Amino acid sequence: DYKGQKLAEQIFQGIILVSAVIGFIYGYIAEQFGWTVYIVMAGFALSCLLTLPPWPMYRRNPLKWLPVQESGTEEKKAADRKPKRHAKS
């Protein structure tokens, strides 16, 4: 559903943003760019774990689909039609 997609996107972006800020600050203090990258990658992995599987919290508002229509009448109409022949030039 659309509300679940919006929630998943907000969670994903929030975790990425927080991990980037924390990683930058820690990497700056420790003077190691590698820690920044590791923290951002850990945030990315956590956000993927929380947002990619179809958790029940993302499926609370299912979409209402149209009912299935019988296709027998359409097949009959298509069978009654004669194939068009192209005029020879």
PDB file of N, CA and C in Angstrom:
ATOM      1  N   ASP A   1       0.825  -1.181   0.000  1.00  0.00           N
ATOM      2  CA  ASP A   1       0.000   0.000   0.000  1.00  0.00           C
ATOM      3  C   ASP A   1       0.871   1.246   0.000  1.00  0.00           C
ATOM      4  N   TYR A   2       0.274   2.354  -0.348  1.00  0.00           N
ATOM      5  CA  TYR A   2       1.037   3.589  -0.504  1.00  0.00           C
ATOM      6  C   TYR A   2       1.506   4.156   0.832  1.00  0.00           C
ATOM      7  N   LYS A   3       0.710   4.031   1.860  1.00  0.00           N
ATOM      8  CA  LYS A   3       1.120   4.529   3.179  1.00  0.00           C
ATOM      9  C   LYS A   3       2.298   3.717   3.712  1.00  0.00           C
ATOM     10  N   GLY A   4       2.290   2.426   3.486  1.00  0.00           N
ATOM     11  CA  GLY A   4       3.398   1.574   3.889  1.00  0.00           C
ATOM     12  C   GLY A   4       4.673   1.901   3.126  1.00  0.00           C
ATOM     13  N   GLN A   5       4.540   2.209   1.832  1.00  0.00           N
ATOM     14  CA  GLN A   5       5.705   2.606   1.043  1.00  0.00           C
ATOM     15  C   GLN A   5       6.280   3.919   1.556  1.00  0.00           C
ATOM     16  N   LYS A   6       5.403   4.839   1.903  1.00  0.00           N
ATOM     17  CA  LYS A   6       5.858   6.128   2.430  1.00  0.00           C
ATOM     18  C   LYS A   6       6.573   5.930   3.765  1.00  0.00           C
ATOM     19  N   LEU A   7       6.023   5.098   4.634  1.00  0.00           N
ATOM     20  CA  LEU A   7       6.648   4.820   5.922  1.00  0.00           C
ATOM     21  C   LEU A   7       8.015   4.170   5.734  1.00  0.00           C
ATOM     22  N   ALA A   8       8.105   3.197   4.833  1.00  0.00           N
ATOM     23  CA  ALA A   8       9.376   2.523   4.576  1.00  0.00           C
ATOM     24  C   ALA A   8      10.411   3.508   4.043  1.00  0.00           C
ATOM     25  N   GLU A   9      10.003   4.399   3.168  1.00  0.00           N
ATOM     26  CA  GLU A   9      10.919   5.403   2.623  1.00  0.00           C
ATOM     27  C   GLU A   9      11.398   6.360   3.703  1.00  0.00           C
ATOM     28  N   GLN A  10      10.507   6.773   4.587  1.00  0.00           N
ATOM     29  CA  GLN A  10      10.894   7.671   5.671  1.00  0.00           C
ATOM     30  C   GLN A  10      11.860   6.993   6.638  1.00  0.00           C
ATOM     31  N   ILE A  11      11.602   5.738   6.963  1.00  0.00           N
ATOM     32  CA  ILE A  11      12.501   5.001   7.855  1.00  0.00           C
ATOM     33  C   ILE A  11      13.863   4.836   7.195  1.00  0.00           C
ATOM     34  N   PHE A  12      13.872   4.465   5.926  1.00  0.00           N
ATOM     35  CA  PHE A  12      15.123   4.273   5.185  1.00  0.00           C
ATOM     36  C   PHE A  12      15.950   5.562   5.174  1.00  0.00           C
ATOM     37  N   GLN A  13      15.321   6.668   4.795  1.00  0.00           N
ATOM     38  CA  GLN A  13      16.051   7.929   4.721  1.00  0.00           C
ATOM     39  C   GLN A  13      16.509   8.394   6.100  1.00  0.00           C
ATOM     40  N   GLY A  14      15.694   8.201   7.119  1.00  0.00           N
ATOM     41  CA  GLY A  14      16.060   8.605   8.466  1.00  0.00           C
ATOM     42  C   GLY A  14      17.274   7.850   8.982  1.00  0.00           C
ATOM     43  N   ILE A  15      17.278   6.538   8.784  1.00  0.00           N
ATOM     44  CA  ILE A  15      18.412   5.738   9.251  1.00  0.00           C
ATOM     45  C   ILE A  15      19.686   6.102   8.492  1.00  0.00           C
ATOM     46  N   ILE A  16      19.578   6.293   7.188  1.00  0.00           N
ATOM     47  CA  ILE A  16      20.749   6.672   6.394  1.00  0.00           C
ATOM     48  C   ILE A  16      21.282   8.028   6.850  1.00  0.00           C
ATOM     49  N   LEU A  17      20.390   8.979   7.068  1.00  0.00           N
ATOM     50  CA  LEU A  17      20.819  10.312   7.501  1.00  0.00           C
ATOM     51  C   LEU A  17      21.490  10.275   8.869  1.00  0.00           C
ATOM     52  N   VAL A  18      20.875   9.583   9.817  1.00  0.00           N
ATOM     53  CA  VAL A  18      21.437   9.496  11.171  1.00  0.00           C
ATOM     54  C   VAL A  18      22.788   8.779  11.144  1.00  0.00           C
ATOM     55  N   SER A  19      22.881   7.689  10.409  1.00  0.00           N
ATOM     56  CA  SER A  19      24.155   6.965  10.362  1.00  0.00           C
ATOM     57  C   SER A  19      25.233   7.791   9.663  1.00  0.00           C
ATOM     58  N   ALA A  20      24.860   8.574   8.657  1.00  0.00           N
ATOM     59  CA  ALA A  20      25.841   9.422   7.982  1.00  0.00           C
ATOM     60  C   ALA A  20      26.370  10.503   8.922  1.00  0.00           C
ATOM     61  N   VAL A  21      25.479  11.118   9.690  1.00  0.00           N
ATOM     62  CA  VAL A  21      25.901  12.156  10.629  1.00  0.00           C
ATOM     63  C   VAL A  21      26.783  11.560  11.721  1.00  0.00           C
ATOM     64  N   ILE A  22      26.346  10.445  12.299  1.00  0.00           N
ATOM     65  CA  ILE A  22      27.140   9.794  13.347  1.00  0.00           C
ATOM     66  C   ILE A  22      28.485   9.332  12.790  1.00  0.00           C
ATOM     67  N   GLY A  23      28.467   8.750  11.606  1.00  0.00           N
ATOM     68  CA  GLY A  23      29.709   8.289  10.989  1.00  0.00           C
ATOM     69  C   GLY A  23      30.666   9.429  10.701  1.00  0.00           C
ATOM     70  N   PHE A  24      30.126  10.529  10.212  1.00  0.00           N
ATOM     71  CA  PHE A  24      30.991  11.680   9.924  1.00  0.00           C
ATOM     72  C   PHE A  24      31.615  12.233  11.200  1.00  0.00           C
ATOM     73  N   ILE A  25      30.790  12.395  12.230  1.00  0.00           N
ATOM     74  CA  ILE A  25      31.306  12.937  13.497  1.00  0.00           C
ATOM     75  C   ILE A  25      32.347  11.992  14.106  1.00  0.00           C
ATOM     76  N   TYR A  26      32.044  10.702  14.156  1.00  0.00           N
ATOM     77  CA  TYR A  26      32.992   9.755  14.741  1.00  0.00           C
ATOM     78  C   TYR A  26      34.270   9.673  13.905  1.00  0.00           C
ATOM     79  N   GLY A  27      34.111   9.642  12.583  1.00  0.00           N
ATOM     80  CA  GLY A  27      35.286   9.593  11.716  1.00  0.00           C
ATOM     81  C   GLY A  27      36.137  10.839  11.842  1.00  0.00           C
ATOM     82  N   TYR A  28      35.518  11.984  12.039  1.00  0.00           N
ATOM     83  CA  TYR A  28      36.255  13.243  12.212  1.00  0.00           C
ATOM     84  C   TYR A  28      37.025  13.249  13.531  1.00  0.00           C
ATOM     85  N   ILE A  29      36.354  12.783  14.584  1.00  0.00           N
ATOM     86  CA  ILE A  29      37.007  12.747  15.896  1.00  0.00           C
ATOM     87  C   ILE A  29      38.160  11.743  15.903  1.00  0.00           C
ATOM     88  N   ALA A  30      37.919  10.568  15.332  1.00  0.00           N
ATOM     89  CA  ALA A  30      38.946   9.519  15.312  1.00  0.00           C
ATOM     90  C   ALA A  30      39.980   9.741  14.212  1.00  0.00           C
ATOM     91  N   GLU A  31      39.701  10.694  13.309  1.00  0.00           N
ATOM     92  CA  GLU A  31      40.570  10.990  12.168  1.00  0.00           C
ATOM     93  C   GLU A  31      40.785   9.758  11.292  1.00  0.00           C
ATOM     94  N   GLN A  32      39.717   8.995  11.123  1.00  0.00           N
ATOM     95  CA  GLN A  32      39.740   7.799  10.282  1.00  0.00           C
ATOM     96  C   GLN A  32      38.502   7.808   9.388  1.00  0.00           C
ATOM     97  N   PHE A  33      38.725   8.000   8.087  1.00  0.00           N
ATOM     98  CA  PHE A  33      37.608   8.013   7.145  1.00  0.00           C
ATOM     99  C   PHE A  33      36.964   6.633   7.034  1.00  0.00           C
ATOM    100  N   GLY A  34      37.730   5.595   7.276  1.00  0.00           N
ATOM    101  CA  GLY A  34      37.214   4.226   7.205  1.00  0.00           C
ATOM    102  C   GLY A  34      36.067   3.991   8.169  1.00  0.00           C
ATOM    103  N   TRP A  35      36.147   4.562   9.376  1.00  0.00           N
ATOM    104  CA  TRP A  35      35.051   4.408  10.337  1.00  0.00           C
ATOM    105  C   TRP A  35      33.779   5.076   9.837  1.00  0.00           C
ATOM    106  N   THR A  36      33.929   6.180   9.149  1.00  0.00           N
ATOM    107  CA  THR A  36      32.758   6.849   8.569  1.00  0.00           C
ATOM    108  C   THR A  36      32.066   5.918   7.579  1.00  0.00           C
ATOM    109  N   VAL A  37      32.860   5.308   6.717  1.00  0.00           N
ATOM    110  CA  VAL A  37      32.308   4.400   5.710  1.00  0.00           C
ATOM    111  C   VAL A  37      31.660   3.187   6.373  1.00  0.00           C
ATOM    112  N   TYR A  38      32.309   2.617   7.381  1.00  0.00           N
ATOM    113  CA  TYR A  38      31.752   1.446   8.065  1.00  0.00           C
ATOM    114  C   TYR A  38      30.427   1.770   8.756  1.00  0.00           C
ATOM    115  N   ILE A  39      30.353   2.906   9.385  1.00  0.00           N
ATOM    116  CA  ILE A  39      29.112   3.282  10.084  1.00  0.00           C
ATOM    117  C   ILE A  39      27.987   3.542   9.092  1.00  0.00           C
ATOM    118  N   VAL A  40      28.296   4.196   7.979  1.00  0.00           N
ATOM    119  CA  VAL A  40      27.267   4.432   6.959  1.00  0.00           C
ATOM    120  C   VAL A  40      26.818   3.107   6.339  1.00  0.00           C
ATOM    121  N   MET A  41      27.754   2.194   6.093  1.00  0.00           N
ATOM    122  CA  MET A  41      27.374   0.880   5.544  1.00  0.00           C
ATOM    123  C   MET A  41      26.529   0.086   6.539  1.00  0.00           C
ATOM    124  N   ALA A  42      26.848   0.196   7.833  1.00  0.00           N
ATOM    125  CA  ALA A  42      26.030  -0.479   8.848  1.00  0.00           C
ATOM    126  C   ALA A  42      24.627   0.114   8.885  1.00  0.00           C
ATOM    127  N   GLY A  43      24.517   1.430   8.749  1.00  0.00           N
ATOM    128  CA  GLY A  43      23.206   2.073   8.689  1.00  0.00           C
ATOM    129  C   GLY A  43      22.421   1.642   7.469  1.00  0.00           C
ATOM    130  N   PHE A  44      23.118   1.509   6.349  1.00  0.00           N
ATOM    131  CA  PHE A  44      22.460   1.041   5.124  1.00  0.00           C
ATOM    132  C   PHE A  44      21.947  -0.388   5.292  1.00  0.00           C
ATOM    133  N   ALA A  45      22.768  -1.254   5.887  1.00  0.00           N
ATOM    134  CA  ALA A  45      22.356  -2.646   6.113  1.00  0.00           C
ATOM    135  C   ALA A  45      21.160  -2.711   7.055  1.00  0.00           C
ATOM    136  N   LEU A  46      21.200  -1.912   8.126  1.00  0.00           N
ATOM    137  CA  LEU A  46      20.073  -1.883   9.061  1.00  0.00           C
ATOM    138  C   LEU A  46      18.801  -1.378   8.385  1.00  0.00           C
ATOM    139  N   SER A  47      18.925  -0.327   7.582  1.00  0.00           N
ATOM    140  CA  SER A  47      17.737   0.211   6.911  1.00  0.00           C
ATOM    141  C   SER A  47      17.186  -0.782   5.888  1.00  0.00           C
ATOM    142  N   CYS A  48      18.060  -1.510   5.214  1.00  0.00           N
ATOM    143  CA  CYS A  48      17.588  -2.545   4.283  1.00  0.00           C
ATOM    144  C   CYS A  48      16.858  -3.656   5.022  1.00  0.00           C
ATOM    145  N   LEU A  49      17.390  -4.050   6.164  1.00  0.00           N
ATOM    146  CA  LEU A  49      16.760  -5.100   6.961  1.00  0.00           C
ATOM    147  C   LEU A  49      15.377  -4.669   7.452  1.00  0.00           C
ATOM    148  N   LEU A  50      15.223  -3.393   7.761  1.00  0.00           N
ATOM    149  CA  LEU A  50      13.942  -2.906   8.286  1.00  0.00           C
ATOM    150  C   LEU A  50      12.929  -2.546   7.206  1.00  0.00           C
ATOM    151  N   THR A  51      13.380  -2.235   6.001  1.00  0.00           N
ATOM    152  CA  THR A  51      12.441  -1.731   4.997  1.00  0.00           C
ATOM    153  C   THR A  51      12.199  -2.653   3.806  1.00  0.00           C
ATOM    154  N   LEU A  52      13.123  -3.543   3.473  1.00  0.00           N
ATOM    155  CA  LEU A  52      12.923  -4.375   2.283  1.00  0.00           C
ATOM    156  C   LEU A  52      11.945  -5.533   2.469  1.00  0.00           C
ATOM    157  N   PRO A  53      11.998  -6.286   3.572  1.00  0.00           N
ATOM    158  CA  PRO A  53      11.003  -7.363   3.718  1.00  0.00           C
ATOM    159  C   PRO A  53       9.592  -6.780   3.898  1.00  0.00           C
ATOM    160  N   PRO A  54       8.586  -7.529   3.477  1.00  0.00           N
ATOM    161  CA  PRO A  54       7.203  -7.029   3.614  1.00  0.00           C
ATOM    162  C   PRO A  54       6.676  -7.207   5.042  1.00  0.00           C
ATOM    163  N   TRP A  55       7.175  -6.425   5.976  1.00  0.00           N
ATOM    164  CA  TRP A  55       6.740  -6.503   7.365  1.00  0.00           C
ATOM    165  C   TRP A  55       5.271  -6.106   7.470  1.00  0.00           C
ATOM    166  N   PRO A  56       4.546  -6.638   8.459  1.00  0.00           N
ATOM    167  CA  PRO A  56       3.114  -6.316   8.611  1.00  0.00           C
ATOM    168  C   PRO A  56       2.834  -4.828   8.824  1.00  0.00           C
ATOM    169  N   MET A  57       3.786  -4.090   9.380  1.00  0.00           N
ATOM    170  CA  MET A  57       3.538  -2.666   9.610  1.00  0.00           C
ATOM    171  C   MET A  57       3.448  -1.885   8.300  1.00  0.00           C
ATOM    172  N   TYR A  58       3.936  -2.452   7.209  1.00  0.00           N
ATOM    173  CA  TYR A  58       3.848  -1.789   5.905  1.00  0.00           C
ATOM    174  C   TYR A  58       2.614  -2.227   5.116  1.00  0.00           C
ATOM    175  N   ARG A  59       1.865  -3.194   5.632  1.00  0.00           N
ATOM    176  CA  ARG A  59       0.711  -3.731   4.895  1.00  0.00           C
ATOM    177  C   ARG A  59      -0.598  -3.503   5.643  1.00  0.00           C
ATOM    178  N   ARG A  60      -0.713  -2.409   6.343  1.00  0.00           N
ATOM    179  CA  ARG A  60      -1.924  -2.134   7.129  1.00  0.00           C
ATOM    180  C   ARG A  60      -3.069  -1.575   6.294  1.00  0.00           C
ATOM    181  N   ASN A  61      -2.782  -0.969   5.155  1.00  0.00           N
ATOM    182  CA  ASN A  61      -3.802  -0.334   4.318  1.00  0.00           C
ATOM    183  C   ASN A  61      -3.764  -0.927   2.914  1.00  0.00           C
ATOM    184  N   PRO A  62      -4.290  -2.143   2.737  1.00  0.00           N
ATOM    185  CA  PRO A  62      -4.217  -2.765   1.411  1.00  0.00           C
ATOM    186  C   PRO A  62      -5.086  -2.029   0.392  1.00  0.00           C
ATOM    187  N   LEU A  63      -4.673  -2.102  -0.865  1.00  0.00           N
ATOM    188  CA  LEU A  63      -5.424  -1.468  -1.938  1.00  0.00           C
ATOM    189  C   LEU A  63      -6.632  -2.314  -2.298  1.00  0.00           C
ATOM    190  N   LYS A  64      -7.701  -1.663  -2.682  1.00  0.00           N
ATOM    191  CA  LYS A  64      -8.906  -2.372  -3.128  1.00  0.00           C
ATOM    192  C   LYS A  64      -8.848  -2.483  -4.648  1.00  0.00           C
ATOM    193  N   TRP A  65      -8.785  -3.716  -5.130  1.00  0.00           N
ATOM    194  CA  TRP A  65      -8.683  -3.967  -6.557  1.00  0.00           C
ATOM    195  C   TRP A  65     -10.064  -4.157  -7.157  1.00  0.00           C
ATOM    196  N   LEU A  66     -10.176  -3.966  -8.453  1.00  0.00           N
ATOM    197  CA  LEU A  66     -11.431  -4.215  -9.150  1.00  0.00           C
ATOM    198  C   LEU A  66     -11.698  -5.716  -9.189  1.00  0.00           C
ATOM    199  N   PRO A  67     -12.969  -6.113  -9.195  1.00  0.00           N
ATOM    200  CA  PRO A  67     -13.264  -7.554  -9.261  1.00  0.00           C
ATOM    201  C   PRO A  67     -12.876  -8.123 -10.630  1.00  0.00           C
ATOM    202  N   VAL A  68     -12.637  -9.420 -10.653  1.00  0.00           N
ATOM    203  CA  VAL A  68     -12.262 -10.102 -11.888  1.00  0.00           C
ATOM    204  C   VAL A  68     -13.474 -10.177 -12.798  1.00  0.00           C
ATOM    205  N   GLN A  69     -13.283  -9.864 -14.081  1.00  0.00           N
ATOM    206  CA  GLN A  69     -14.377  -9.919 -15.050  1.00  0.00           C
ATOM    207  C   GLN A  69     -14.254 -11.195 -15.869  1.00  0.00           C
ATOM    208  N   GLU A  70     -15.391 -11.699 -16.266  1.00  0.00           N
ATOM    209  CA  GLU A  70     -15.398 -12.901 -17.105  1.00  0.00           C
ATOM    210  C   GLU A  70     -14.858 -12.551 -18.484  1.00  0.00           C
ATOM    211  N   SER A  71     -14.008 -13.397 -19.025  1.00  0.00           N
ATOM    212  CA  SER A  71     -13.404 -13.114 -20.324  1.00  0.00           C
ATOM    213  C   SER A  71     -14.087 -13.870 -21.459  1.00  0.00           C
ATOM    214  N   GLY A  72     -15.111 -14.660 -21.188  1.00  0.00           N
ATOM    215  CA  GLY A  72     -15.787 -15.444 -22.217  1.00  0.00           C
ATOM    216  C   GLY A  72     -16.445 -14.584 -23.273  1.00  0.00           C
ATOM    217  N   THR A  73     -17.053 -13.470 -22.902  1.00  0.00           N
ATOM    218  CA  THR A  73     -17.724 -12.621 -23.883  1.00  0.00           C
ATOM    219  C   THR A  73     -16.718 -11.934 -24.795  1.00  0.00           C
ATOM    220  N   GLU A  74     -15.576 -11.584 -24.291  1.00  0.00           N
ATOM    221  CA  GLU A  74     -14.562 -10.932 -25.117  1.00  0.00           C
ATOM    222  C   GLU A  74     -13.996 -11.910 -26.142  1.00  0.00           C
ATOM    223  N   GLU A  75     -13.799 -13.170 -25.736  1.00  0.00           N
ATOM    224  CA  GLU A  75     -13.278 -14.165 -26.665  1.00  0.00           C
ATOM    225  C   GLU A  75     -14.279 -14.452 -27.771  1.00  0.00           C
ATOM    226  N   LYS A  76     -15.550 -14.458 -27.440  1.00  0.00           N
ATOM    227  CA  LYS A  76     -16.582 -14.726 -28.431  1.00  0.00           C
ATOM    228  C   LYS A  76     -16.635 -13.596 -29.451  1.00  0.00           C
ATOM    229  N   LYS A  77     -16.557 -12.366 -28.977  1.00  0.00           N
ATOM    230  CA  LYS A  77     -16.579 -11.224 -29.896  1.00  0.00           C
ATOM    231  C   LYS A  77     -15.363 -11.247 -30.809  1.00  0.00           C
ATOM    232  N   ALA A  78     -14.217 -11.596 -30.275  1.00  0.00           N
ATOM    233  CA  ALA A  78     -13.003 -11.644 -31.083  1.00  0.00           C
ATOM    234  C   ALA A  78     -13.097 -12.759 -32.123  1.00  0.00           C
ATOM    235  N   ALA A  79     -13.735 -13.856 -31.799  1.00  0.00           N
ATOM    236  CA  ALA A  79     -13.862 -14.978 -32.737  1.00  0.00           C
ATOM    237  C   ALA A  79     -14.846 -14.650 -33.856  1.00  0.00           C
ATOM    238  N   ASP A  80     -15.851 -13.827 -33.593  1.00  0.00           N
ATOM    239  CA  ASP A  80     -16.838 -13.460 -34.607  1.00  0.00           C
ATOM    240  C   ASP A  80     -16.264 -12.510 -35.651  1.00  0.00           C
ATOM    241  N   ARG A  81     -15.241 -11.794 -35.316  1.00  0.00           N
ATOM    242  CA  ARG A  81     -14.665 -10.830 -36.252  1.00  0.00           C
ATOM    243  C   ARG A  81     -13.896 -11.564 -37.360  1.00  0.00           C
ATOM    244  N   LYS A  82     -14.014 -11.025 -38.547  1.00  0.00           N
ATOM    245  CA  LYS A  82     -13.273 -11.579 -39.674  1.00  0.00           C
ATOM    246  C   LYS A  82     -11.916 -10.875 -39.757  1.00  0.00           C
ATOM    247  N   PRO A  83     -10.897 -11.610 -40.107  1.00  0.00           N
ATOM    248  CA  PRO A  83      -9.583 -10.945 -40.242  1.00  0.00           C
ATOM    249  C   PRO A  83      -9.591  -9.971 -41.408  1.00  0.00           C
ATOM    250  N   LYS A  84      -8.943  -8.853 -41.210  1.00  0.00           N
ATOM    251  CA  LYS A  84      -8.884  -7.835 -42.265  1.00  0.00           C
ATOM    252  C   LYS A  84      -7.832  -8.227 -43.288  1.00  0.00           C
ATOM    253  N   ARG A  85      -8.213  -8.015 -44.534  1.00  0.00           N
ATOM    254  CA  ARG A  85      -7.259  -8.299 -45.599  1.00  0.00           C
ATOM    255  C   ARG A  85      -6.788  -6.975 -46.183  1.00  0.00           C
ATOM    256  N   HIS A  86      -5.539  -6.911 -46.427  1.00  0.00           N
ATOM    257  CA  HIS A  86      -4.968  -5.683 -46.976  1.00  0.00           C
ATOM    258  C   HIS A  86      -5.122  -5.697 -48.488  1.00  0.00           C
ATOM    259  N   ALA A  87      -5.402  -4.505 -49.010  1.00  0.00           N
ATOM    260  CA  ALA A  87      -5.549  -4.372 -50.452  1.00  0.00           C
ATOM    261  C   ALA A  87      -4.168  -4.505 -51.114  1.00  0.00           C
ATOM    262  N   LYS A  88      -4.151  -5.180 -52.270  1.00  0.00           N
ATOM    263  CA  LYS A  88      -2.898  -5.353 -52.973  1.00  0.00           C
ATOM    264  C   LYS A  88      -2.593  -4.068 -53.754  1.00  0.00           C
ATOM    265  N   SER A  89      -1.326  -3.712 -53.767  1.00  0.00           N
ATOM    266  CA  SER A  89      -0.951  -2.479 -54.450  1.00  0.00           C
ATOM    267  C   SER A  89      -0.592  -2.751 -55.879  1.00  0.00           C
TER     268      SER A  89
END
